[in-house]
Structures are given as C-alpha cells and as structure tokens.
C-alpha cells in the first residue's frame, strides 16, 4: 500500500509540474490523446441507448443496397487464348462450341480449348468475384446466360470463353434477423460519428478561426464567448 501511495504521489507531482511548465502545449502525442478523450466523451453521449428493432428496420430500409446479398453463379468454361490464336480466336470458337452443344457424351470439355492457369469450374461464387477476375462485361454476360446450355464465345481480358452456366442465385434484400449484428454495429458507428461531429461543431462556435493568406476571413462566426 505504501508503495502504491508513493507511486501515485510521484505521478501527480510530475503531472502538475508538467502542466505548470506547459509541456502539454507543443506535444503532438498529448494533443491527439486529449482530442481522442473528448471524442470518446461525445461518442458515449451519442449512444446511451441500444437500437430497437424499429431503429434497425428503418436503418435497413434506408441503406438496403449495402446489405443486399450478392448474386452467385456456378459455371464451367472452356478457354480459348487470344494470345495463342490471335485474330482467329473468335472463328476457332465456333467448332468448339458446336462440339460442346452436340450432346455427345464422348466430348470431354477439359480436353478442348487451350491450357490456362484459370480454374475451369466455379461453384457458387459471388458475381462480384467473377467480375474482379474476368471483368465486369464477362460477369454480366455469364449472369444472363440460360442455365444448362453451352454459350459463347464470351470475351474476357484473357481471351474467349465458352461457358456452361450450372446455377444462378439472384441477389436479394436480407431479412432483419439475417443482418442484425451488422446493422447494430453500423447504426452505433453512425450515431457515434454524428454525436462527435455535433459536439465538435458546438465547441467550434466558441472560437474565431482565421486562416492566414485568405484575407483574414474567419472560418466561422464568433459567438458571444469567443476565444483565440
């Protein structure tokens, strides 16, 4: 206990002497820490209560697109290299597509087309991931294909592809219970941000801020209790 008391007294003495010497005034770390503590105070005041289901439901209605589930696709493709085939790649795709559409069980899709490091089969992949890998135009074309039919050629940044769409799941708006945790987190974050900004604006009214080099124009109107 004696040791704890001595350490507390030491800390208090150093703190008071440091403040008396103005050591806090030009220290970036201390300035940022004080700013952070004030932000914590403002944010805590802004989230005194938990959101109700009505709050979350309204939040979801306003920002539904942010929580919408992604469209997903499953497909197999046969790749034709534009680098290898040059201008003939589109023409070469026609007989390959005919063979795939023939229904002949002897036709092995993996034996057709050109070698590639790309995966040949994609299972239940978000459409945005397909767009990231193959390009937006390719993803849009694949999403619009009929299920169970070889189609193409469809161009990507790699070359041409003949595609068999196996399944497609459209994106949809989620129910409240499906995204409750994410909604709560985002709702609280928005409340914290709004409370912090409102608190800052209320403090700013106590000051006159003049930016040099702009004709001495004030950034905000001074209040009755103006400080500099």
Foldseek 3Di string as FASTA:
>chain_A
DVVVVVVVVVVVVVVVVCVVVVVLPPDPVSVVVVLVVVLVVLLCVLPVDADDPVRLVVLCVVVQVVQWDFKWFKKFKAEAFCVVQPPCRVVVVVVVLCVVQVPPPVDDSVVDHDDDPDDGIDDGGGLVVVCVVFNDQQSVVLQPDDAQGWDDQDHTPGGTMTMHTHDIDHIGGDDCVVCVVVSRVVVSVVSSVVSSVVVVVVVCLQEWDFDPPPVRDTPDDHDPNYDD
